[in-house]
Amino acid sequence: MHIRAEDYFNLFHVASPHPTVHVFGKEDEFYAYGRDGFGNKPMEEYYVDPLVLVHEQGHQFPTAQPRAKQIYDRVAAEIWRHCGR
Protein backbone atom coordinates (compact mmCIF):
# COMPACT_ATOMS: atom_id res chain seq x y z
CA MET A 1 0.00 0.00 0.00
CA HIS A 2 1.26 3.48 -0.79
CA ILE A 3 2.10 5.99 1.89
CA ARG A 4 -0.81 8.40 1.44
CA ALA A 5 -0.13 11.12 3.99
CA GLU A 6 2.73 13.46 3.07
CA ASP A 7 3.52 13.86 6.77
CA TYR A 8 4.84 10.27 6.74
CA PHE A 9 6.83 10.28 3.47
CA ASN A 10 10.04 11.07 5.37
CA LEU A 11 9.69 7.88 7.45
CA PHE A 12 10.30 5.68 4.42
CA HIS A 13 13.63 6.78 2.98
CA VAL A 14 15.13 3.34 3.55
CA ALA A 15 13.51 0.46 1.68
CA SER A 16 12.11 -2.39 3.79
CA PRO A 17 14.01 -5.68 3.53
CA HIS A 18 10.81 -7.70 4.07
CA PRO A 19 9.89 -9.91 1.11
CA THR A 20 6.79 -8.81 -0.78
CA VAL A 21 4.77 -10.01 -3.75
CA HIS A 22 2.67 -7.50 -5.68
CA VAL A 23 0.09 -8.85 -8.13
CA PHE A 24 -1.52 -6.29 -10.43
CA GLY A 25 -4.37 -6.83 -12.90
CA LYS A 26 -4.35 -4.41 -15.84
CA GLU A 27 -8.16 -4.37 -16.00
CA ASP A 28 -8.45 -3.46 -12.31
CA GLU A 29 -10.08 -0.06 -11.81
CA PHE A 30 -7.30 0.62 -9.26
CA TYR A 31 -4.42 -0.44 -11.53
CA ALA A 32 -3.20 3.10 -12.26
CA TYR A 33 -3.43 3.98 -8.58
CA GLY A 34 -1.42 0.91 -7.65
CA ARG A 35 1.24 1.56 -10.25
CA ASP A 36 1.64 5.36 -10.32
CA GLY A 37 2.89 5.89 -6.79
CA PHE A 38 -0.06 8.06 -5.72
CA GLY A 39 2.01 11.14 -6.49
CA ASN A 40 5.04 9.89 -4.59
CA LYS A 41 6.80 6.73 -5.75
CA PRO A 42 5.61 3.33 -6.96
CA MET A 43 4.63 0.94 -4.17
CA GLU A 44 7.39 -1.54 -4.90
CA GLU A 45 10.07 1.13 -4.33
CA TYR A 46 9.33 0.87 -0.60
CA TYR A 47 10.95 -2.60 -0.62
CA VAL A 48 14.47 -3.86 -1.29
CA ASP A 49 13.61 -6.74 -3.61
CA PRO A 50 9.88 -6.89 -4.39
CA LEU A 51 8.39 -9.40 -6.79
CA VAL A 52 5.96 -7.63 -9.14
CA LEU A 53 3.62 -9.77 -11.25
CA VAL A 54 1.14 -8.33 -13.75
CA HIS A 55 -1.74 -10.03 -15.53
CA GLU A 56 -4.44 -8.94 -17.98
CA GLN A 57 -7.47 -9.38 -15.71
CA GLY A 58 -9.03 -7.26 -12.99
CA HIS A 59 -8.88 -6.93 -9.19
CA GLN A 60 -8.25 -10.57 -8.36
CA PHE A 61 -5.68 -13.26 -8.77
CA PRO A 62 -5.93 -14.30 -12.41
CA THR A 63 -7.87 -17.28 -13.69
CA ALA A 64 -6.99 -17.06 -17.41
CA GLN A 65 -4.35 -19.58 -18.45
CA PRO A 66 -1.45 -19.77 -18.97
CA ARG A 67 -0.69 -16.59 -16.96
CA ALA A 68 -2.71 -17.74 -13.94
CA LYS A 69 -0.59 -20.85 -13.49
CA GLN A 70 2.61 -18.86 -13.97
CA ILE A 71 1.61 -16.40 -11.25
CA TYR A 72 0.39 -19.05 -8.79
CA ASP A 73 3.55 -21.10 -9.32
CA ARG A 74 5.78 -18.06 -8.80
CA VAL A 75 3.92 -16.94 -5.65
CA ALA A 76 4.17 -20.46 -4.21
CA ALA A 77 7.88 -20.61 -5.04
CA GLU A 78 8.46 -17.30 -3.26
CA ILE A 79 6.61 -18.49 -0.16
CA TRP A 80 8.69 -21.67 -0.07
CA ARG A 81 11.88 -19.70 -0.66
CA HIS A 82 11.26 -17.35 2.25
CA CYS A 83 9.55 -19.76 4.63
CA GLY A 84 11.76 -22.75 4.00
CA ARG A 85 11.15 -26.20 2.74
PDB file of N, CA and C in Angstrom:
ATOM      1  N   MET A   1       0.849  -1.169   0.000  1.00  0.00           N
ATOM      2  CA  MET A   1       0.000   0.000   0.000  1.00  0.00           C
ATOM      3  C   MET A   1       0.898   1.235   0.000  1.00  0.00           C
ATOM      4  N   HIS A   2       0.510   2.230  -0.751  1.00  0.00           N
ATOM      5  CA  HIS A   2       1.255   3.482  -0.795  1.00  0.00           C
ATOM      6  C   HIS A   2       1.157   4.235   0.520  1.00  0.00           C
ATOM      7  N   ILE A   3       2.167   5.047   0.782  1.00  0.00           N
ATOM      8  CA  ILE A   3       2.097   5.991   1.888  1.00  0.00           C
ATOM      9  C   ILE A   3       1.268   7.156   1.368  1.00  0.00           C
ATOM     10  N   ARG A   4       0.125   7.402   1.964  1.00  0.00           N
ATOM     11  CA  ARG A   4      -0.807   8.398   1.441  1.00  0.00           C
ATOM     12  C   ARG A   4      -0.618   9.783   2.053  1.00  0.00           C
ATOM     13  N   ALA A   5      -0.246   9.836   3.309  1.00  0.00           N
ATOM     14  CA  ALA A   5      -0.132  11.122   3.992  1.00  0.00           C
ATOM     15  C   ALA A   5       1.286  11.669   3.847  1.00  0.00           C
ATOM     16  N   GLU A   6       1.414  12.856   3.287  1.00  0.00           N
ATOM     17  CA  GLU A   6       2.728  13.459   3.070  1.00  0.00           C
ATOM     18  C   GLU A   6       3.519  13.606   4.364  1.00  0.00           C
ATOM     19  N   ASP A   7       2.841  13.733   5.484  1.00  0.00           N
ATOM     20  CA  ASP A   7       3.521  13.861   6.770  1.00  0.00           C
ATOM     21  C   ASP A   7       4.395  12.649   7.078  1.00  0.00           C
ATOM     22  N   TYR A   8       4.112  11.506   6.450  1.00  0.00           N
ATOM     23  CA  TYR A   8       4.835  10.273   6.735  1.00  0.00           C
ATOM     24  C   TYR A   8       5.829   9.877   5.642  1.00  0.00           C
ATOM     25  N   PHE A   9       5.898  10.620   4.550  1.00  0.00           N
ATOM     26  CA  PHE A   9       6.828  10.279   3.466  1.00  0.00           C
ATOM     27  C   PHE A   9       8.263  10.150   3.985  1.00  0.00           C
ATOM     28  N   ASN A  10       8.653  11.049   4.891  1.00  0.00           N
ATOM     29  CA  ASN A  10      10.036  11.065   5.369  1.00  0.00           C
ATOM     30  C   ASN A  10      10.392   9.833   6.218  1.00  0.00           C
ATOM     31  N   LEU A  11       9.414   9.064   6.643  1.00  0.00           N
ATOM     32  CA  LEU A  11       9.687   7.879   7.445  1.00  0.00           C
ATOM     33  C   LEU A  11      10.109   6.681   6.604  1.00  0.00           C
ATOM     34  N   PHE A  12      10.056   6.822   5.305  1.00  0.00           N
ATOM     35  CA  PHE A  12      10.300   5.679   4.422  1.00  0.00           C
ATOM     36  C   PHE A  12      11.398   5.952   3.402  1.00  0.00           C
ATOM     37  N   HIS A  13      12.492   6.534   3.868  1.00  0.00           N
ATOM     38  CA  HIS A  13      13.630   6.784   2.980  1.00  0.00           C
ATOM     39  C   HIS A  13      14.436   5.512   2.727  1.00  0.00           C
ATOM     40  N   VAL A  14      14.398   4.598   3.677  1.00  0.00           N
ATOM     41  CA  VAL A  14      15.126   3.335   3.547  1.00  0.00           C
ATOM     42  C   VAL A  14      14.116   2.249   3.188  1.00  0.00           C
ATOM     43  N   ALA A  15      14.415   1.523   2.124  1.00  0.00           N
ATOM     44  CA  ALA A  15      13.509   0.458   1.675  1.00  0.00           C
ATOM     45  C   ALA A  15      13.475  -0.687   2.684  1.00  0.00           C
ATOM     46  N   SER A  16      12.300  -1.265   2.869  1.00  0.00           N
ATOM     47  CA  SER A  16      12.110  -2.387   3.786  1.00  0.00           C
ATOM     48  C   SER A  16      12.725  -3.658   3.199  1.00  0.00           C
ATOM     49  N   PRO A  17      13.436  -4.427   4.014  1.00  0.00           N
ATOM     50  CA  PRO A  17      14.014  -5.682   3.530  1.00  0.00           C
ATOM     51  C   PRO A  17      13.013  -6.844   3.528  1.00  0.00           C
ATOM     52  N   HIS A  18      11.796  -6.624   4.009  1.00  0.00           N
ATOM     53  CA  HIS A  18      10.806  -7.701   4.073  1.00  0.00           C
ATOM     54  C   HIS A  18      10.380  -8.134   2.675  1.00  0.00           C
ATOM     55  N   PRO A  19      10.298  -9.434   2.442  1.00  0.00           N
ATOM     56  CA  PRO A  19       9.889  -9.908   1.115  1.00  0.00           C
ATOM     57  C   PRO A  19       8.427  -9.563   0.838  1.00  0.00           C
ATOM     58  N   THR A  20       8.163  -9.141  -0.386  1.00  0.00           N
ATOM     59  CA  THR A  20       6.792  -8.813  -0.781  1.00  0.00           C
ATOM     60  C   THR A  20       6.517  -9.320  -2.187  1.00  0.00           C
ATOM     61  N   VAL A  21       5.250  -9.641  -2.422  1.00  0.00           N
ATOM     62  CA  VAL A  21       4.774 -10.014  -3.750  1.00  0.00           C
ATOM     63  C   VAL A  21       3.628  -9.065  -4.079  1.00  0.00           C
ATOM     64  N   HIS A  22       3.708  -8.422  -5.221  1.00  0.00           N
ATOM     65  CA  HIS A  22       2.670  -7.495  -5.677  1.00  0.00           C
ATOM     66  C   HIS A  22       2.073  -8.054  -6.960  1.00  0.00           C
ATOM     67  N   VAL A  23       0.775  -8.319  -6.960  1.00  0.00           N
ATOM     68  CA  VAL A  23       0.088  -8.855  -8.133  1.00  0.00           C
ATOM     69  C   VAL A  23      -0.892  -7.800  -8.620  1.00  0.00           C
ATOM     70  N   PHE A  24      -0.690  -7.338  -9.852  1.00  0.00           N
ATOM     71  CA  PHE A  24      -1.522  -6.295 -10.429  1.00  0.00           C
ATOM     72  C   PHE A  24      -2.270  -6.813 -11.655  1.00  0.00           C
ATOM     73  N   GLY A  25      -3.567  -6.514 -11.730  1.00  0.00           N
ATOM     74  CA  GLY A  25      -4.371  -6.833 -12.904  1.00  0.00           C
ATOM     75  C   GLY A  25      -4.588  -5.568 -13.727  1.00  0.00           C
ATOM     76  N   LYS A  26      -4.246  -5.606 -14.993  1.00  0.00           N
ATOM     77  CA  LYS A  26      -4.351  -4.412 -15.844  1.00  0.00           C
ATOM     78  C   LYS A  26      -5.780  -3.908 -16.031  1.00  0.00           C
ATOM     79  N   GLU A  27      -6.761  -4.784 -15.864  1.00  0.00           N
ATOM     80  CA  GLU A  27      -8.160  -4.367 -16.005  1.00  0.00           C
ATOM     81  C   GLU A  27      -8.779  -3.917 -14.679  1.00  0.00           C
ATOM     82  N   ASP A  28      -7.991  -3.910 -13.627  1.00  0.00           N
ATOM     83  CA  ASP A  28      -8.448  -3.457 -12.311  1.00  0.00           C
ATOM     84  C   ASP A  28      -8.683  -1.949 -12.356  1.00  0.00           C
ATOM     85  N   GLU A  29      -9.808  -1.503 -11.825  1.00  0.00           N
ATOM     86  CA  GLU A  29     -10.083  -0.063 -11.812  1.00  0.00           C
ATOM     87  C   GLU A  29      -9.057   0.691 -10.972  1.00  0.00           C
ATOM     88  N   PHE A  30      -8.317   0.001 -10.105  1.00  0.00           N
ATOM     89  CA  PHE A  30      -7.304   0.625  -9.265  1.00  0.00           C
ATOM     90  C   PHE A  30      -5.884   0.406  -9.788  1.00  0.00           C
ATOM     91  N   TYR A  31      -5.745  -0.127 -10.992  1.00  0.00           N
ATOM     92  CA  TYR A  31      -4.419  -0.444 -11.534  1.00  0.00           C
ATOM     93  C   TYR A  31      -3.520   0.796 -11.598  1.00  0.00           C
ATOM     94  N   ALA A  32      -4.014   1.881 -12.153  1.00  0.00           N
ATOM     95  CA  ALA A  32      -3.197   3.099 -12.264  1.00  0.00           C
ATOM     96  C   ALA A  32      -2.796   3.602 -10.877  1.00  0.00           C
ATOM     97  N   TYR A  33      -3.730   3.572  -9.949  1.00  0.00           N
ATOM     98  CA  TYR A  33      -3.427   3.984  -8.576  1.00  0.00           C
ATOM     99  C   TYR A  33      -2.319   3.118  -7.986  1.00  0.00           C
ATOM    100  N   GLY A  34      -2.409   1.821  -8.191  1.00  0.00           N
ATOM    101  CA  GLY A  34      -1.417   0.906  -7.649  1.00  0.00           C
ATOM    102  C   GLY A  34      -0.055   1.047  -8.281  1.00  0.00           C
ATOM    103  N   ARG A  35      -0.020   1.487  -9.508  1.00  0.00           N
ATOM    104  CA  ARG A  35       1.239   1.559 -10.251  1.00  0.00           C
ATOM    105  C   ARG A  35       1.871   2.940 -10.269  1.00  0.00           C
ATOM    106  N   ASP A  36       1.083   4.010 -10.105  1.00  0.00           N
ATOM    107  CA  ASP A  36       1.642   5.355 -10.320  1.00  0.00           C
ATOM    108  C   ASP A  36       2.321   5.978  -9.113  1.00  0.00           C
ATOM    109  N   GLY A  37       2.222   5.356  -7.964  1.00  0.00           N
ATOM    110  CA  GLY A  37       2.886   5.894  -6.791  1.00  0.00           C
ATOM    111  C   GLY A  37       2.081   6.926  -6.040  1.00  0.00           C
ATOM    112  N   PHE A  38       0.832   7.131  -6.426  1.00  0.00           N
ATOM    113  CA  PHE A  38      -0.057   8.058  -5.719  1.00  0.00           C
ATOM    114  C   PHE A  38       0.617   9.409  -5.516  1.00  0.00           C
ATOM    115  N   GLY A  39       1.341   9.853  -6.545  1.00  0.00           N
ATOM    116  CA  GLY A  39       2.011  11.138  -6.485  1.00  0.00           C
ATOM    117  C   GLY A  39       3.338  11.118  -5.752  1.00  0.00           C
ATOM    118  N   ASN A  40       3.777   9.972  -5.306  1.00  0.00           N
ATOM    119  CA  ASN A  40       5.044   9.886  -4.586  1.00  0.00           C
ATOM    120  C   ASN A  40       5.989   8.964  -5.344  1.00  0.00           C
ATOM    121  N   LYS A  41       5.980   7.692  -5.022  1.00  0.00           N
ATOM    122  CA  LYS A  41       6.798   6.731  -5.755  1.00  0.00           C
ATOM    123  C   LYS A  41       6.027   5.424  -5.831  1.00  0.00           C
ATOM    124  N   PRO A  42       6.319   4.605  -6.830  1.00  0.00           N
ATOM    125  CA  PRO A  42       5.611   3.329  -6.964  1.00  0.00           C
ATOM    126  C   PRO A  42       5.752   2.475  -5.702  1.00  0.00           C
ATOM    127  N   MET A  43       4.702   1.749  -5.386  1.00  0.00           N
ATOM    128  CA  MET A  43       4.630   0.941  -4.172  1.00  0.00           C
ATOM    129  C   MET A  43       5.847   0.045  -3.987  1.00  0.00           C
ATOM    130  N   GLU A  44       6.296  -0.593  -5.049  1.00  0.00           N
ATOM    131  CA  GLU A  44       7.392  -1.545  -4.904  1.00  0.00           C
ATOM    132  C   GLU A  44       8.721  -0.879  -4.550  1.00  0.00           C
ATOM    133  N   GLU A  45       8.832   0.440  -4.703  1.00  0.00           N
ATOM    134  CA  GLU A  45      10.067   1.126  -4.328  1.00  0.00           C
ATOM    135  C   GLU A  45      10.227   1.259  -2.812  1.00  0.00           C
ATOM    136  N   TYR A  46       9.230   0.877  -2.060  1.00  0.00           N
ATOM    137  CA  TYR A  46       9.332   0.875  -0.603  1.00  0.00           C
ATOM    138  C   TYR A  46      10.023  -0.388  -0.091  1.00  0.00           C
ATOM    139  N   TYR A  47      10.367  -1.311  -0.994  1.00  0.00           N
ATOM    140  CA  TYR A  47      10.951  -2.596  -0.618  1.00  0.00           C
ATOM    141  C   TYR A  47      12.261  -2.826  -1.342  1.00  0.00           C
ATOM    142  N   VAL A  48      13.155  -3.588  -0.719  1.00  0.00           N
ATOM    143  CA  VAL A  48      14.466  -3.855  -1.287  1.00  0.00           C
ATOM    144  C   VAL A  48      14.376  -4.704  -2.554  1.00  0.00           C
ATOM    145  N   ASP A  49      13.643  -5.797  -2.481  1.00  0.00           N
ATOM    146  CA  ASP A  49      13.606  -6.738  -3.609  1.00  0.00           C
ATOM    147  C   ASP A  49      12.188  -7.279  -3.815  1.00  0.00           C
ATOM    148  N   PRO A  50      11.253  -6.417  -4.219  1.00  0.00           N
ATOM    149  CA  PRO A  50       9.878  -6.893  -4.390  1.00  0.00           C
ATOM    150  C   PRO A  50       9.722  -7.737  -5.647  1.00  0.00           C
ATOM    151  N   LEU A  51       8.764  -8.635  -5.598  1.00  0.00           N
ATOM    152  CA  LEU A  51       8.389  -9.398  -6.792  1.00  0.00           C
ATOM    153  C   LEU A  51       7.098  -8.781  -7.313  1.00  0.00           C
ATOM    154  N   VAL A  52       7.126  -8.267  -8.531  1.00  0.00           N
ATOM    155  CA  VAL A  52       5.959  -7.626  -9.138  1.00  0.00           C
ATOM    156  C   VAL A  52       5.482  -8.499 -10.292  1.00  0.00           C
ATOM    157  N   LEU A  53       4.226  -8.932 -10.214  1.00  0.00           N
ATOM    158  CA  LEU A  53       3.625  -9.773 -11.247  1.00  0.00           C
ATOM    159  C   LEU A  53       2.390  -9.057 -11.792  1.00  0.00           C
ATOM    160  N   VAL A  54       2.259  -9.031 -13.101  1.00  0.00           N
ATOM    161  CA  VAL A  54       1.141  -8.332 -13.755  1.00  0.00           C
ATOM    162  C   VAL A  54       0.404  -9.315 -14.651  1.00  0.00           C
ATOM    163  N   HIS A  55      -0.922  -9.203 -14.650  1.00  0.00           N
ATOM    164  CA  HIS A  55      -1.743 -10.031 -15.527  1.00  0.00           C
ATOM    165  C   HIS A  55      -2.776  -9.150 -16.222  1.00  0.00           C
ATOM    166  N   GLU A  56      -3.513  -9.705 -17.135  1.00  0.00           N
ATOM    167  CA  GLU A  56      -4.440  -8.939 -17.985  1.00  0.00           C
ATOM    168  C   GLU A  56      -5.853  -8.829 -17.427  1.00  0.00           C
ATOM    169  N   GLN A  57      -6.111  -9.397 -16.257  1.00  0.00           N
ATOM    170  CA  GLN A  57      -7.467  -9.384 -15.709  1.00  0.00           C
ATOM    171  C   GLN A  57      -7.655  -8.239 -14.718  1.00  0.00           C
ATOM    172  N   GLY A  58      -8.680  -8.334 -13.894  1.00  0.00           N
ATOM    173  CA  GLY A  58      -9.035  -7.257 -12.991  1.00  0.00           C
ATOM    174  C   GLY A  58      -8.477  -7.403 -11.587  1.00  0.00           C
ATOM    175  N   HIS A  59      -9.288  -7.005 -10.588  1.00  0.00           N
ATOM    176  CA  HIS A  59      -8.885  -6.926  -9.188  1.00  0.00           C
ATOM    177  C   HIS A  59      -9.047  -8.283  -8.497  1.00  0.00           C
ATOM    178  N   GLN A  60      -8.256  -9.234  -8.951  1.00  0.00           N
ATOM    179  CA  GLN A  60      -8.252 -10.567  -8.357  1.00  0.00           C
ATOM    180  C   GLN A  60      -7.004 -11.287  -8.840  1.00  0.00           C
ATOM    181  N   PHE A  61      -6.714 -12.413  -8.199  1.00  0.00           N
ATOM    182  CA  PHE A  61      -5.677 -13.257  -8.772  1.00  0.00           C
ATOM    183  C   PHE A  61      -6.250 -13.780 -10.083  1.00  0.00           C
ATOM    184  N   PRO A  62      -5.413 -13.934 -11.096  1.00  0.00           N
ATOM    185  CA  PRO A  62      -5.925 -14.304 -12.414  1.00  0.00           C
ATOM    186  C   PRO A  62      -6.448 -15.736 -12.472  1.00  0.00           C
ATOM    187  N   THR A  63      -7.350 -15.944 -13.424  1.00  0.00           N
ATOM    188  CA  THR A  63      -7.875 -17.280 -13.689  1.00  0.00           C
ATOM    189  C   THR A  63      -7.579 -17.709 -15.125  1.00  0.00           C
ATOM    190  N   ALA A  64      -7.258 -16.762 -15.994  1.00  0.00           N
ATOM    191  CA  ALA A  64      -6.991 -17.062 -17.406  1.00  0.00           C
ATOM    192  C   ALA A  64      -5.610 -17.706 -17.554  1.00  0.00           C
ATOM    193  N   GLN A  65      -5.602 -18.857 -18.215  1.00  0.00           N
ATOM    194  CA  GLN A  65      -4.352 -19.581 -18.453  1.00  0.00           C
ATOM    195  C   GLN A  65      -3.692 -19.064 -19.730  1.00  0.00           C
ATOM    196  N   PRO A  66      -2.406 -19.121 -19.862  1.00  0.00           N
ATOM    197  CA  PRO A  66      -1.453 -19.771 -18.968  1.00  0.00           C
ATOM    198  C   PRO A  66      -0.926 -18.843 -17.865  1.00  0.00           C
ATOM    199  N   ARG A  67      -1.257 -17.541 -17.921  1.00  0.00           N
ATOM    200  CA  ARG A  67      -0.694 -16.585 -16.964  1.00  0.00           C
ATOM    201  C   ARG A  67      -1.073 -16.910 -15.523  1.00  0.00           C
ATOM    202  N   ALA A  68      -2.289 -17.404 -15.302  1.00  0.00           N
ATOM    203  CA  ALA A  68      -2.712 -17.735 -13.939  1.00  0.00           C
ATOM    204  C   ALA A  68      -1.770 -18.760 -13.312  1.00  0.00           C
ATOM    205  N   LYS A  69      -1.475 -19.823 -14.024  1.00  0.00           N
ATOM    206  CA  LYS A  69      -0.587 -20.854 -13.493  1.00  0.00           C
ATOM    207  C   LYS A  69       0.807 -20.295 -13.245  1.00  0.00           C
ATOM    208  N   GLN A  70       1.292 -19.455 -14.150  1.00  0.00           N
ATOM    209  CA  GLN A  70       2.614 -18.857 -13.971  1.00  0.00           C
ATOM    210  C   GLN A  70       2.671 -18.032 -12.686  1.00  0.00           C
ATOM    211  N   ILE A  71       1.631 -17.244 -12.452  1.00  0.00           N
ATOM    212  CA  ILE A  71       1.612 -16.396 -11.254  1.00  0.00           C
ATOM    213  C   ILE A  71       1.481 -17.248  -9.994  1.00  0.00           C
ATOM    214  N   TYR A  72       0.543 -18.201  -9.974  1.00  0.00           N
ATOM    215  CA  TYR A  72       0.389 -19.052  -8.789  1.00  0.00           C
ATOM    216  C   TYR A  72       1.665 -19.828  -8.492  1.00  0.00           C
ATOM    217  N   ASP A  73       2.310 -20.357  -9.520  1.00  0.00           N
ATOM    218  CA  ASP A  73       3.553 -21.100  -9.316  1.00  0.00           C
ATOM    219  C   ASP A  73       4.648 -20.199  -8.749  1.00  0.00           C
ATOM    220  N   ARG A  74       4.739 -18.988  -9.264  1.00  0.00           N
ATOM    221  CA  ARG A  74       5.778 -18.062  -8.796  1.00  0.00           C
ATOM    222  C   ARG A  74       5.516 -17.613  -7.360  1.00  0.00           C
ATOM    223  N   VAL A  75       4.263 -17.331  -7.026  1.00  0.00           N
ATOM    224  CA  VAL A  75       3.925 -16.943  -5.655  1.00  0.00           C
ATOM    225  C   VAL A  75       4.250 -18.089  -4.697  1.00  0.00           C
ATOM    226  N   ALA A  76       3.863 -19.296  -5.056  1.00  0.00           N
ATOM    227  CA  ALA A  76       4.167 -20.457  -4.214  1.00  0.00           C
ATOM    228  C   ALA A  76       5.674 -20.634  -4.042  1.00  0.00           C
ATOM    229  N   ALA A  77       6.424 -20.476  -5.112  1.00  0.00           N
ATOM    230  CA  ALA A  77       7.881 -20.607  -5.043  1.00  0.00           C
ATOM    231  C   ALA A  77       8.481 -19.561  -4.103  1.00  0.00           C
ATOM    232  N   GLU A  78       7.959 -18.354  -4.147  1.00  0.00           N
ATOM    233  CA  GLU A  78       8.456 -17.297  -3.256  1.00  0.00           C
ATOM    234  C   GLU A  78       8.133 -17.612  -1.801  1.00  0.00           C
ATOM    235  N   ILE A  79       6.963 -18.120  -1.535  1.00  0.00           N
ATOM    236  CA  ILE A  79       6.606 -18.492  -0.162  1.00  0.00           C
ATOM    237  C   ILE A  79       7.552 -19.579   0.337  1.00  0.00           C
ATOM    238  N   TRP A  80       7.767 -20.597  -0.472  1.00  0.00           N
ATOM    239  CA  TRP A  80       8.686 -21.671  -0.066  1.00  0.00           C
ATOM    240  C   TRP A  80      10.097 -21.141   0.123  1.00  0.00           C
ATOM    241  N   ARG A  81      10.511 -20.252  -0.737  1.00  0.00           N
ATOM    242  CA  ARG A  81      11.884 -19.705  -0.659  1.00  0.00           C
ATOM    243  C   ARG A  81      12.102 -18.960   0.651  1.00  0.00           C
ATOM    244  N   HIS A  82      11.115 -18.179   1.059  1.00  0.00           N
ATOM    245  CA  HIS A  82      11.262 -17.355   2.254  1.00  0.00           C
ATOM    246  C   HIS A  82      10.861 -18.065   3.547  1.00  0.00           C
ATOM    247  N   CYS A  83      10.019 -19.071   3.433  1.00  0.00           N
ATOM    248  CA  CYS A  83       9.546 -19.761   4.634  1.00  0.00           C
ATOM    249  C   CYS A  83      10.233 -21.101   4.850  1.00  0.00           C
ATOM    250  N   GLY A  84      11.014 -21.501   3.881  1.00  0.00           N
ATOM    251  CA  GLY A  84      11.761 -22.745   3.998  1.00  0.00           C
ATOM    252  C   GLY A  84      10.984 -23.965   3.584  1.00  0.00           C
ATOM    253  N   ARG A  85      11.741 -24.923   3.121  1.00  0.00           N
ATOM    254  CA  ARG A  85      11.148 -26.198   2.741  1.00  0.00           C
ATOM    255  C   ARG A  85      12.180 -27.262   2.884  1.00  0.00           C
TER     256      ARG A  85
END
